[in-house]
Amino acid sequence: DSNSNEFNLGWDTIREFDVWFANEQLAKCFDFCLVQTPTGLPQFEKKLRYICSRHGTGGVKEYTKQFPERERKIPGKHTGCQCALAVKHYPNTHRILGKYSATHNHPLSQEN
């Protein structure tokens, strides 16, 4: 994967990744949500998938509102944002690879 163009980021240690991850969220004022952690894959020690919190991870609830005519005072923030980060950590190496799509469909920084 490091030779392919698919994974566009890399860190030498987990600490470097953690620092980058925290700084990315702070600098752009958004949050990542962990949505997928497949297990049982022999080729990876860890494989994580994060998405922007504005994407929405819950799906549609099977809930019938008791008073459907009532509107929420504060609208939901889910916009279907396509920002995503896939992280792979291979066994027998400290190198961590990441595939980052930084395109948001909502304002960042103070407007967020």
PDB file of N, CA and C in Angstrom:
ATOM      1  N   ASP A   1       0.810  -1.205   0.000  1.00  0.00           N
ATOM      2  CA  ASP A   1       0.000   0.000   0.000  1.00  0.00           C
ATOM      3  C   ASP A   1       0.847   1.260   0.000  1.00  0.00           C
ATOM      4  N   SER A   2       2.027   1.205   0.606  1.00  0.00           N
ATOM      5  CA  SER A   2       2.865   2.409   0.642  1.00  0.00           C
ATOM      6  C   SER A   2       3.398   2.747  -0.744  1.00  0.00           C
ATOM      7  N   ASN A   3       3.474   1.761  -1.630  1.00  0.00           N
ATOM      8  CA  ASN A   3       3.946   2.017  -2.988  1.00  0.00           C
ATOM      9  C   ASN A   3       2.833   2.518  -3.904  1.00  0.00           C
ATOM     10  N   SER A   4       1.589   2.271  -3.522  1.00  0.00           N
ATOM     11  CA  SER A   4       0.478   2.745  -4.350  1.00  0.00           C
ATOM     12  C   SER A   4       0.157   4.189  -3.986  1.00  0.00           C
ATOM     13  N   ASN A   5      -0.552   4.860  -4.868  1.00  0.00           N
ATOM     14  CA  ASN A   5      -0.944   6.240  -4.618  1.00  0.00           C
ATOM     15  C   ASN A   5      -2.217   6.330  -3.793  1.00  0.00           C
ATOM     16  N   GLU A   6      -2.780   5.190  -3.435  1.00  0.00           N
ATOM     17  CA  GLU A   6      -4.041   5.186  -2.706  1.00  0.00           C
ATOM     18  C   GLU A   6      -3.881   5.784  -1.311  1.00  0.00           C
ATOM     19  N   PHE A   7      -2.817   5.430  -0.615  1.00  0.00           N
ATOM     20  CA  PHE A   7      -2.592   5.944   0.730  1.00  0.00           C
ATOM     21  C   PHE A   7      -1.652   7.136   0.640  1.00  0.00           C
ATOM     22  N   ASN A   8      -2.209   8.329   0.878  1.00  0.00           N
ATOM     23  CA  ASN A   8      -1.481   9.566   0.632  1.00  0.00           C
ATOM     24  C   ASN A   8      -0.781  10.144   1.857  1.00  0.00           C
ATOM     25  N   LEU A   9      -0.886   9.499   3.018  1.00  0.00           N
ATOM     26  CA  LEU A   9      -0.221   9.976   4.232  1.00  0.00           C
ATOM     27  C   LEU A   9       0.528   8.834   4.900  1.00  0.00           C
ATOM     28  N   GLY A  10       1.532   9.188   5.687  1.00  0.00           N
ATOM     29  CA  GLY A  10       2.281   8.184   6.429  1.00  0.00           C
ATOM     30  C   GLY A  10       2.904   8.791   7.670  1.00  0.00           C
ATOM     31  N   TRP A  11       2.986   8.008   8.725  1.00  0.00           N
ATOM     32  CA  TRP A  11       3.599   8.429   9.980  1.00  0.00           C
ATOM     33  C   TRP A  11       4.538   7.326  10.435  1.00  0.00           C
ATOM     34  N   ASP A  12       5.644   7.711  11.049  1.00  0.00           N
ATOM     35  CA  ASP A  12       6.639   6.727  11.480  1.00  0.00           C
ATOM     36  C   ASP A  12       6.278   6.040  12.789  1.00  0.00           C
ATOM     37  N   THR A  13       5.459   6.692  13.618  1.00  0.00           N
ATOM     38  CA  THR A  13       5.060   6.097  14.896  1.00  0.00           C
ATOM     39  C   THR A  13       3.593   6.410  15.170  1.00  0.00           C
ATOM     40  N   ILE A  14       3.012   5.672  16.097  1.00  0.00           N
ATOM     41  CA  ILE A  14       1.628   5.926  16.499  1.00  0.00           C
ATOM     42  C   ILE A  14       1.515   7.292  17.170  1.00  0.00           C
ATOM     43  N   ARG A  15       2.566   7.700  17.854  1.00  0.00           N
ATOM     44  CA  ARG A  15       2.573   9.023  18.509  1.00  0.00           C
ATOM     45  C   ARG A  15       2.482  10.144  17.467  1.00  0.00           C
ATOM     46  N   GLU A  16       3.230  10.024  16.377  1.00  0.00           N
ATOM     47  CA  GLU A  16       3.160  11.027  15.305  1.00  0.00           C
ATOM     48  C   GLU A  16       1.753  11.089  14.718  1.00  0.00           C
ATOM     49  N   PHE A  17       1.128   9.928  14.535  1.00  0.00           N
ATOM     50  CA  PHE A  17      -0.242   9.909  14.025  1.00  0.00           C
ATOM     51  C   PHE A  17      -1.192  10.594  14.999  1.00  0.00           C
ATOM     52  N   ASP A  18      -1.079  10.271  16.281  1.00  0.00           N
ATOM     53  CA  ASP A  18      -1.965  10.865  17.286  1.00  0.00           C
ATOM     54  C   ASP A  18      -1.856  12.386  17.309  1.00  0.00           C
ATOM     55  N   VAL A  19      -0.632  12.902  17.195  1.00  0.00           N
ATOM     56  CA  VAL A  19      -0.419  14.353  17.182  1.00  0.00           C
ATOM     57  C   VAL A  19      -1.051  14.958  15.933  1.00  0.00           C
ATOM     58  N   TRP A  20      -0.811  14.361  14.764  1.00  0.00           N
ATOM     59  CA  TRP A  20      -1.401  14.868  13.523  1.00  0.00           C
ATOM     60  C   TRP A  20      -2.932  14.838  13.595  1.00  0.00           C
ATOM     61  N   PHE A  21      -3.469  13.733  14.092  1.00  0.00           N
ATOM     62  CA  PHE A  21      -4.916  13.536  14.183  1.00  0.00           C
ATOM     63  C   PHE A  21      -5.563  14.617  15.050  1.00  0.00           C
ATOM     64  N   ALA A  22      -4.980  14.879  16.207  1.00  0.00           N
ATOM     65  CA  ALA A  22      -5.508  15.914  17.106  1.00  0.00           C
ATOM     66  C   ALA A  22      -5.380  17.301  16.484  1.00  0.00           C
ATOM     67  N   ASN A  23      -4.229  17.591  15.869  1.00  0.00           N
ATOM     68  CA  ASN A  23      -4.015  18.907  15.255  1.00  0.00           C
ATOM     69  C   ASN A  23      -4.957  19.150  14.078  1.00  0.00           C
ATOM     70  N   GLU A  24      -5.228  18.126  13.291  1.00  0.00           N
ATOM     71  CA  GLU A  24      -6.132  18.272  12.142  1.00  0.00           C
ATOM     72  C   GLU A  24      -7.532  18.669  12.607  1.00  0.00           C
ATOM     73  N   GLN A  25      -8.000  18.040  13.662  1.00  0.00           N
ATOM     74  CA  GLN A  25      -9.330  18.354  14.182  1.00  0.00           C
ATOM     75  C   GLN A  25      -9.371  19.745  14.811  1.00  0.00           C
ATOM     76  N   LEU A  26      -8.312  20.103  15.545  1.00  0.00           N
ATOM     77  CA  LEU A  26      -8.268  21.427  16.179  1.00  0.00           C
ATOM     78  C   LEU A  26      -8.138  22.548  15.159  1.00  0.00           C
ATOM     79  N   ALA A  27      -7.290  22.367  14.165  1.00  0.00           N
ATOM     80  CA  ALA A  27      -7.037  23.423  13.185  1.00  0.00           C
ATOM     81  C   ALA A  27      -8.272  23.724  12.344  1.00  0.00           C
ATOM     82  N   LYS A  28      -9.043  22.703  12.014  1.00  0.00           N
ATOM     83  CA  LYS A  28     -10.201  22.902  11.138  1.00  0.00           C
ATOM     84  C   LYS A  28     -11.528  22.908  11.889  1.00  0.00           C
ATOM     85  N   CYS A  29     -11.474  22.728  13.214  1.00  0.00           N
ATOM     86  CA  CYS A  29     -12.675  22.774  14.075  1.00  0.00           C
ATOM     87  C   CYS A  29     -13.756  21.785  13.642  1.00  0.00           C
ATOM     88  N   PHE A  30     -13.395  20.519  13.540  1.00  0.00           N
ATOM     89  CA  PHE A  30     -14.380  19.471  13.286  1.00  0.00           C
ATOM     90  C   PHE A  30     -13.942  18.230  14.040  1.00  0.00           C
ATOM     91  N   ASP A  31     -14.813  17.248  14.120  1.00  0.00           N
ATOM     92  CA  ASP A  31     -14.513  16.012  14.838  1.00  0.00           C
ATOM     93  C   ASP A  31     -14.600  14.818  13.900  1.00  0.00           C
ATOM     94  N   PHE A  32     -13.690  13.874  14.111  1.00  0.00           N
ATOM     95  CA  PHE A  32     -13.767  12.585  13.437  1.00  0.00           C
ATOM     96  C   PHE A  32     -14.537  11.620  14.329  1.00  0.00           C
ATOM     97  N   CYS A  33     -15.287  10.715  13.726  1.00  0.00           N
ATOM     98  CA  CYS A  33     -15.963   9.638  14.443  1.00  0.00           C
ATOM     99  C   CYS A  33     -15.416   8.315  13.920  1.00  0.00           C
ATOM    100  N   LEU A  34     -15.055   7.434  14.824  1.00  0.00           N
ATOM    101  CA  LEU A  34     -14.598   6.100  14.432  1.00  0.00           C
ATOM    102  C   LEU A  34     -15.824   5.284  14.039  1.00  0.00           C
ATOM    103  N   VAL A  35     -15.850   4.796  12.800  1.00  0.00           N
ATOM    104  CA  VAL A  35     -17.033   4.074  12.330  1.00  0.00           C
ATOM    105  C   VAL A  35     -16.771   2.611  12.012  1.00  0.00           C
ATOM    106  N   GLN A  36     -15.532   2.236  11.831  1.00  0.00           N
ATOM    107  CA  GLN A  36     -15.270   0.855  11.428  1.00  0.00           C
ATOM    108  C   GLN A  36     -13.909   0.413  11.938  1.00  0.00           C
ATOM    109  N   THR A  37     -13.873  -0.752  12.565  1.00  0.00           N
ATOM    110  CA  THR A  37     -12.630  -1.365  13.003  1.00  0.00           C
ATOM    111  C   THR A  37     -12.715  -2.853  12.714  1.00  0.00           C
ATOM    112  N   PRO A  38     -12.437  -3.258  11.475  1.00  0.00           N
ATOM    113  CA  PRO A  38     -12.528  -4.678  11.153  1.00  0.00           C
ATOM    114  C   PRO A  38     -11.509  -5.495  11.950  1.00  0.00           C
ATOM    115  N   THR A  39     -11.915  -6.654  12.385  1.00  0.00           N
ATOM    116  CA  THR A  39     -11.015  -7.528  13.132  1.00  0.00           C
ATOM    117  C   THR A  39     -10.811  -8.820  12.361  1.00  0.00           C
ATOM    118  N   GLY A  40      -9.785  -9.549  12.746  1.00  0.00           N
ATOM    119  CA  GLY A  40      -9.525 -10.836  12.122  1.00  0.00           C
ATOM    120  C   GLY A  40      -8.841 -10.753  10.774  1.00  0.00           C
ATOM    121  N   LEU A  41      -8.274  -9.587  10.457  1.00  0.00           N
ATOM    122  CA  LEU A  41      -7.547  -9.456   9.195  1.00  0.00           C
ATOM    123  C   LEU A  41      -6.070  -9.734   9.456  1.00  0.00           C
ATOM    124  N   PRO A  42      -5.520 -10.820   8.926  1.00  0.00           N
ATOM    125  CA  PRO A  42      -4.138 -11.177   9.246  1.00  0.00           C
ATOM    126  C   PRO A  42      -3.108 -10.207   8.670  1.00  0.00           C
ATOM    127  N   GLN A  43      -3.450  -9.489   7.601  1.00  0.00           N
ATOM    128  CA  GLN A  43      -2.465  -8.613   6.977  1.00  0.00           C
ATOM    129  C   GLN A  43      -2.307  -7.278   7.713  1.00  0.00           C
ATOM    130  N   PHE A  44      -3.225  -6.931   8.626  1.00  0.00           N
ATOM    131  CA  PHE A  44      -3.147  -5.672   9.367  1.00  0.00           C
ATOM    132  C   PHE A  44      -3.123  -5.936  10.855  1.00  0.00           C
ATOM    133  N   GLU A  45      -2.329  -5.136  11.566  1.00  0.00           N
ATOM    134  CA  GLU A  45      -2.422  -5.153  13.016  1.00  0.00           C
ATOM    135  C   GLU A  45      -3.661  -4.367  13.428  1.00  0.00           C
ATOM    136  N   LYS A  46      -3.860  -3.224  12.757  1.00  0.00           N
ATOM    137  CA  LYS A  46      -5.050  -2.410  12.980  1.00  0.00           C
ATOM    138  C   LYS A  46      -5.477  -1.786  11.668  1.00  0.00           C
ATOM    139  N   LYS A  47      -6.774  -1.685  11.486  1.00  0.00           N
ATOM    140  CA  LYS A  47      -7.325  -0.961  10.344  1.00  0.00           C
ATOM    141  C   LYS A  47      -8.515  -0.179  10.883  1.00  0.00           C
ATOM    142  N   LEU A  48      -8.425   1.144  10.790  1.00  0.00           N
ATOM    143  CA  LEU A  48      -9.453   2.008  11.354  1.00  0.00           C
ATOM    144  C   LEU A  48     -10.033   2.898  10.269  1.00  0.00           C
ATOM    145  N   ARG A  49     -11.305   3.232  10.394  1.00  0.00           N
ATOM    146  CA  ARG A  49     -11.944   4.150   9.447  1.00  0.00           C
ATOM    147  C   ARG A  49     -12.685   5.215  10.238  1.00  0.00           C
ATOM    148  N   TYR A  50     -12.347   6.471   9.952  1.00  0.00           N
ATOM    149  CA  TYR A  50     -12.975   7.616  10.595  1.00  0.00           C
ATOM    150  C   TYR A  50     -13.727   8.425   9.548  1.00  0.00           C
ATOM    151  N   ILE A  51     -14.825   9.053   9.960  1.00  0.00           N
ATOM    152  CA  ILE A  51     -15.532   9.983   9.089  1.00  0.00           C
ATOM    153  C   ILE A  51     -15.819  11.259   9.869  1.00  0.00           C
ATOM    154  N   CYS A  52     -16.106  12.325   9.147  1.00  0.00           N
ATOM    155  CA  CYS A  52     -16.460  13.597   9.764  1.00  0.00           C
ATOM    156  C   CYS A  52     -17.762  13.417  10.548  1.00  0.00           C
ATOM    157  N   SER A  53     -17.846  14.048  11.708  1.00  0.00           N
ATOM    158  CA  SER A  53     -19.053  13.912  12.527  1.00  0.00           C
ATOM    159  C   SER A  53     -20.286  14.488  11.840  1.00  0.00           C
ATOM    160  N   ARG A  54     -20.096  15.370  10.859  1.00  0.00           N
ATOM    161  CA  ARG A  54     -21.222  15.938  10.123  1.00  0.00           C
ATOM    162  C   ARG A  54     -21.800  14.957   9.096  1.00  0.00           C
ATOM    163  N   HIS A  55     -21.108  13.843   8.849  1.00  0.00           N
ATOM    164  CA  HIS A  55     -21.638  12.850   7.911  1.00  0.00           C
ATOM    165  C   HIS A  55     -22.891  12.212   8.483  1.00  0.00           C
ATOM    166  N   GLY A  56     -22.827  11.848   9.746  1.00  0.00           N
ATOM    167  CA  GLY A  56     -23.927  11.135  10.385  1.00  0.00           C
ATOM    168  C   GLY A  56     -23.679   9.645  10.309  1.00  0.00           C
ATOM    169  N   THR A  57     -23.691   8.977  11.441  1.00  0.00           N
ATOM    170  CA  THR A  57     -23.367   7.555  11.455  1.00  0.00           C
ATOM    171  C   THR A  57     -24.526   6.684  11.907  1.00  0.00           C
ATOM    172  N   GLY A  58     -25.588   7.272  12.376  1.00  0.00           N
ATOM    173  CA  GLY A  58     -26.644   6.488  13.002  1.00  0.00           C
ATOM    174  C   GLY A  58     -27.654   5.869  12.072  1.00  0.00           C
ATOM    175  N   GLY A  59     -27.783   6.384  10.870  1.00  0.00           N
ATOM    176  CA  GLY A  59     -28.811   5.875   9.977  1.00  0.00           C
ATOM    177  C   GLY A  59     -30.180   6.400  10.366  1.00  0.00           C
ATOM    178  N   VAL A  60     -31.224   5.832   9.790  1.00  0.00           N
ATOM    179  CA  VAL A  60     -32.589   6.267  10.064  1.00  0.00           C
ATOM    180  C   VAL A  60     -33.131   5.452  11.227  1.00  0.00           C
ATOM    181  N   LYS A  61     -33.672   6.147  12.197  1.00  0.00           N
ATOM    182  CA  LYS A  61     -34.210   5.479  13.380  1.00  0.00           C
ATOM    183  C   LYS A  61     -35.623   4.953  13.099  1.00  0.00           C
ATOM    184  N   GLU A  62     -35.924   3.802  13.645  1.00  0.00           N
ATOM    185  CA  GLU A  62     -37.272   3.253  13.543  1.00  0.00           C
ATOM    186  C   GLU A  62     -38.073   3.764  14.730  1.00  0.00           C
ATOM    187  N   TYR A  63     -38.420   5.040  14.667  1.00  0.00           N
ATOM    188  CA  TYR A  63     -39.105   5.683  15.773  1.00  0.00           C
ATOM    189  C   TYR A  63     -40.247   6.506  15.210  1.00  0.00           C
ATOM    190  N   THR A  64     -41.419   6.346  15.753  1.00  0.00           N
ATOM    191  CA  THR A  64     -42.566   7.141  15.346  1.00  0.00           C
ATOM    192  C   THR A  64     -42.753   8.240  16.377  1.00  0.00           C
ATOM    193  N   LYS A  65     -42.661   9.475  15.920  1.00  0.00           N
ATOM    194  CA  LYS A  65     -42.806  10.600  16.839  1.00  0.00           C
ATOM    195  C   LYS A  65     -44.230  10.653  17.375  1.00  0.00           C
ATOM    196  N   GLN A  66     -44.331  10.941  18.653  1.00  0.00           N
ATOM    197  CA  GLN A  66     -45.633  11.045  19.279  1.00  0.00           C
ATOM    198  C   GLN A  66     -46.352  12.318  18.817  1.00  0.00           C
ATOM    199  N   PHE A  67     -45.569  13.385  18.578  1.00  0.00           N
ATOM    200  CA  PHE A  67     -46.115  14.656  18.104  1.00  0.00           C
ATOM    201  C   PHE A  67     -45.321  15.099  16.876  1.00  0.00           C
ATOM    202  N   PRO A  68     -45.600  14.548  15.698  1.00  0.00           N
ATOM    203  CA  PRO A  68     -44.796  14.848  14.507  1.00  0.00           C
ATOM    204  C   PRO A  68     -44.888  16.300  14.046  1.00  0.00           C
ATOM    205  N   GLU A  69     -45.915  17.023  14.474  1.00  0.00           N
ATOM    206  CA  GLU A  69     -46.054  18.421  14.066  1.00  0.00           C
ATOM    207  C   GLU A  69     -45.058  19.340  14.777  1.00  0.00           C
ATOM    208  N   ARG A  70     -44.475  18.878  15.853  1.00  0.00           N
ATOM    209  CA  ARG A  70     -43.494  19.686  16.585  1.00  0.00           C
ATOM    210  C   ARG A  70     -42.161  19.695  15.850  1.00  0.00           C
ATOM    211  N   GLU A  71     -41.601  20.873  15.710  1.00  0.00           N
ATOM    212  CA  GLU A  71     -40.309  21.041  15.040  1.00  0.00           C
ATOM    213  C   GLU A  71     -39.204  21.152  16.078  1.00  0.00           C
ATOM    214  N   ARG A  72     -38.017  20.717  15.710  1.00  0.00           N
ATOM    215  CA  ARG A  72     -36.860  20.871  16.594  1.00  0.00           C
ATOM    216  C   ARG A  72     -36.440  22.333  16.603  1.00  0.00           C
ATOM    217  N   LYS A  73     -36.086  22.852  17.777  1.00  0.00           N
ATOM    218  CA  LYS A  73     -35.619  24.236  17.875  1.00  0.00           C
ATOM    219  C   LYS A  73     -34.259  24.395  17.218  1.00  0.00           C
ATOM    220  N   ILE A  74     -33.420  23.398  17.386  1.00  0.00           N
ATOM    221  CA  ILE A  74     -32.085  23.421  16.788  1.00  0.00           C
ATOM    222  C   ILE A  74     -32.034  22.303  15.749  1.00  0.00           C
ATOM    223  N   PRO A  75     -31.848  22.652  14.479  1.00  0.00           N
ATOM    224  CA  PRO A  75     -31.827  21.597  13.450  1.00  0.00           C
ATOM    225  C   PRO A  75     -30.602  20.696  13.583  1.00  0.00           C
ATOM    226  N   GLY A  76     -30.694  19.493  13.047  1.00  0.00           N
ATOM    227  CA  GLY A  76     -29.572  18.563  13.062  1.00  0.00           C
ATOM    228  C   GLY A  76     -28.414  19.082  12.227  1.00  0.00           C
ATOM    229  N   LYS A  77     -27.215  18.617  12.538  1.00  0.00           N
ATOM    230  CA  LYS A  77     -26.021  19.100  11.844  1.00  0.00           C
ATOM    231  C   LYS A  77     -25.508  18.132  10.783  1.00  0.00           C
ATOM    232  N   HIS A  78     -26.165  17.019  10.594  1.00  0.00           N
ATOM    233  CA  HIS A  78     -25.679  16.040   9.620  1.00  0.00           C
ATOM    234  C   HIS A  78     -25.897  16.546   8.202  1.00  0.00           C
ATOM    235  N   THR A  79     -24.820  16.565   7.424  1.00  0.00           N
ATOM    236  CA  THR A  79     -24.878  17.070   6.055  1.00  0.00           C
ATOM    237  C   THR A  79     -24.451  16.023   5.034  1.00  0.00           C
ATOM    238  N   GLY A  80     -24.071  14.836   5.493  1.00  0.00           N
ATOM    239  CA  GLY A  80     -23.561  13.821   4.568  1.00  0.00           C
ATOM    240  C   GLY A  80     -22.141  14.120   4.120  1.00  0.00           C
ATOM    241  N   CYS A  81     -21.370  14.808   4.950  1.00  0.00           N
ATOM    242  CA  CYS A  81     -19.997  15.208   4.622  1.00  0.00           C
ATOM    243  C   CYS A  81     -19.166  13.989   4.200  1.00  0.00           C
ATOM    244  N   GLN A  82     -18.374  14.150   3.147  1.00  0.00           N
ATOM    245  CA  GLN A  82     -17.602  13.037   2.587  1.00  0.00           C
ATOM    246  C   GLN A  82     -16.166  12.958   3.099  1.00  0.00           C
ATOM    247  N   CYS A  83     -15.797  13.801   4.048  1.00  0.00           N
ATOM    248  CA  CYS A  83     -14.448  13.741   4.620  1.00  0.00           C
ATOM    249  C   CYS A  83     -14.271  12.389   5.318  1.00  0.00           C
ATOM    250  N   ALA A  84     -13.171  11.696   5.018  1.00  0.00           N
ATOM    251  CA  ALA A  84     -12.939  10.377   5.604  1.00  0.00           C
ATOM    252  C   ALA A  84     -11.443  10.114   5.734  1.00  0.00           C
ATOM    253  N   LEU A  85     -11.099   9.284   6.701  1.00  0.00           N
ATOM    254  CA  LEU A  85      -9.711   8.900   6.946  1.00  0.00           C
ATOM    255  C   LEU A  85      -9.665   7.400   7.200  1.00  0.00           C
ATOM    256  N   ALA A  86      -8.873   6.689   6.406  1.00  0.00           N
ATOM    257  CA  ALA A  86      -8.639   5.260   6.614  1.00  0.00           C
ATOM    258  C   ALA A  86      -7.195   5.103   7.073  1.00  0.00           C
ATOM    259  N   VAL A  87      -6.982   4.340   8.132  1.00  0.00           N
ATOM    260  CA  VAL A  87      -5.652   4.175   8.719  1.00  0.00           C
ATOM    261  C   VAL A  87      -5.324   2.689   8.790  1.00  0.00           C
ATOM    262  N   LYS A  88      -4.108   2.339   8.343  1.00  0.00           N
ATOM    263  CA  LYS A  88      -3.646   0.948   8.412  1.00  0.00           C
ATOM    264  C   LYS A  88      -2.334   0.889   9.176  1.00  0.00           C
ATOM    265  N   HIS A  89      -2.253  -0.056  10.081  1.00  0.00           N
ATOM    266  CA  HIS A  89      -1.038  -0.294  10.852  1.00  0.00           C
ATOM    267  C   HIS A  89      -0.675  -1.760  10.651  1.00  0.00           C
ATOM    268  N   TYR A  90       0.464  -1.996  10.028  1.00  0.00           N
ATOM    269  CA  TYR A  90       0.884  -3.352   9.686  1.00  0.00           C
ATOM    270  C   TYR A  90       1.712  -3.974  10.810  1.00  0.00           C
ATOM    271  N   PRO A  91       1.666  -5.299  10.951  1.00  0.00           N
ATOM    272  CA  PRO A  91       2.516  -5.960  11.945  1.00  0.00           C
ATOM    273  C   PRO A  91       3.989  -5.887  11.534  1.00  0.00           C
ATOM    274  N   ASN A  92       4.864  -5.993  12.495  1.00  0.00           N
ATOM    275  CA  ASN A  92       6.322  -6.002  12.299  1.00  0.00           C
ATOM    276  C   ASN A  92       6.870  -4.690  11.756  1.00  0.00           C
ATOM    277  N   THR A  93       6.129  -3.605  11.878  1.00  0.00           N
ATOM    278  CA  THR A  93       6.622  -2.289  11.481  1.00  0.00           C
ATOM    279  C   THR A  93       5.899  -1.224  12.303  1.00  0.00           C
ATOM    280  N   HIS A  94       6.571  -0.110  12.511  1.00  0.00           N
ATOM    281  CA  HIS A  94       5.950   0.996  13.233  1.00  0.00           C
ATOM    282  C   HIS A  94       5.257   1.961  12.279  1.00  0.00           C
ATOM    283  N   ARG A  95       5.499   1.807  10.982  1.00  0.00           N
ATOM    284  CA  ARG A  95       4.955   2.723   9.970  1.00  0.00           C
ATOM    285  C   ARG A  95       3.431   2.604   9.903  1.00  0.00           C
ATOM    286  N   ILE A  96       2.757   3.741   9.858  1.00  0.00           N
ATOM    287  CA  ILE A  96       1.301   3.800   9.761  1.00  0.00           C
ATOM    288  C   ILE A  96       0.948   4.536   8.480  1.00  0.00           C
ATOM    289  N   LEU A  97       0.032   3.982   7.704  1.00  0.00           N
ATOM    290  CA  LEU A  97      -0.386   4.603   6.449  1.00  0.00           C
ATOM    291  C   LEU A  97      -1.804   5.135   6.581  1.00  0.00           C
ATOM    292  N   GLY A  98      -2.062   6.241   5.892  1.00  0.00           N
ATOM    293  CA  GLY A  98      -3.391   6.832   5.936  1.00  0.00           C
ATOM    294  C   GLY A  98      -3.860   7.289   4.571  1.00  0.00           C
ATOM    295  N   LYS A  99      -5.139   7.122   4.327  1.00  0.00           N
ATOM    296  CA  LYS A  99      -5.778   7.618   3.107  1.00  0.00           C
ATOM    297  C   LYS A  99      -6.787   8.663   3.565  1.00  0.00           C
ATOM    298  N   TYR A 100      -6.540   9.921   3.188  1.00  0.00           N
ATOM    299  CA  TYR A 100      -7.326  11.031   3.717  1.00  0.00           C
ATOM    300  C   TYR A 100      -8.004  11.791   2.599  1.00  0.00           C
ATOM    301  N   SER A 101      -9.308  11.869   2.684  1.00  0.00           N
ATOM    302  CA  SER A 101     -10.095  12.709   1.785  1.00  0.00           C
ATOM    303  C   SER A 101     -10.589  13.881   2.626  1.00  0.00           C
ATOM    304  N   ALA A 102      -9.984  15.053   2.445  1.00  0.00           N
ATOM    305  CA  ALA A 102     -10.235  16.203   3.311  1.00  0.00           C
ATOM    306  C   ALA A 102     -11.339  17.121   2.798  1.00  0.00           C
ATOM    307  N   THR A 103     -12.142  16.667   1.857  1.00  0.00           N
ATOM    308  CA  THR A 103     -13.190  17.511   1.285  1.00  0.00           C
ATOM    309  C   THR A 103     -14.420  17.518   2.184  1.00  0.00           C
ATOM    310  N   HIS A 104     -14.763  18.699   2.683  1.00  0.00           N
ATOM    311  CA  HIS A 104     -15.956  18.873   3.516  1.00  0.00           C
ATOM    312  C   HIS A 104     -17.025  19.598   2.706  1.00  0.00           C
ATOM    313  N   ASN A 105     -18.291  19.356   3.014  1.00  0.00           N
ATOM    314  CA  ASN A 105     -19.377  20.067   2.341  1.00  0.00           C
ATOM    315  C   ASN A 105     -20.069  21.046   3.290  1.00  0.00           C
ATOM    316  N   HIS A 106     -19.354  21.480   4.308  1.00  0.00           N
ATOM    317  CA  HIS A 106     -19.877  22.423   5.286  1.00  0.00           C
ATOM    318  C   HIS A 106     -18.751  23.363   5.684  1.00  0.00           C
ATOM    319  N   PRO A 107     -19.080  24.502   6.274  1.00  0.00           N
ATOM    320  CA  PRO A 107     -18.029  25.441   6.684  1.00  0.00           C
ATOM    321  C   PRO A 107     -17.137  24.835   7.765  1.00  0.00           C
ATOM    322  N   LEU A 108     -15.887  25.273   7.786  1.00  0.00           N
ATOM    323  CA  LEU A 108     -14.940  24.855   8.815  1.00  0.00           C
ATOM    324  C   LEU A 108     -14.570  26.065   9.667  1.00  0.00           C
ATOM    325  N   SER A 109     -13.746  25.851  10.666  1.00  0.00           N
ATOM    326  CA  SER A 109     -13.276  26.891  11.586  1.00  0.00           C
ATOM    327  C   SER A 109     -14.440  27.476  12.369  1.00  0.00           C
ATOM    328  N   GLN A 110     -14.473  28.792  12.514  1.00  0.00           N
ATOM    329  CA  GLN A 110     -15.470  29.437  13.363  1.00  0.00           C
ATOM    330  C   GLN A 110     -16.901  29.262  12.850  1.00  0.00           C
ATOM    331  N   GLU A 111     -17.089  29.174  11.532  1.00  0.00           N
ATOM    332  CA  GLU A 111     -18.435  29.027  10.979  1.00  0.00           C
ATOM    333  C   GLU A 111     -19.046  27.664  11.296  1.00  0.00           C
ATOM    334  N   ASN A 112     -18.206  26.692  11.646  1.00  0.00           N
ATOM    335  CA  ASN A 112     -18.669  25.346  11.920  1.00  0.00           C
ATOM    336  C   ASN A 112     -19.364  25.331  13.260  1.00  0.00           C
TER     337      ASN A 112
END
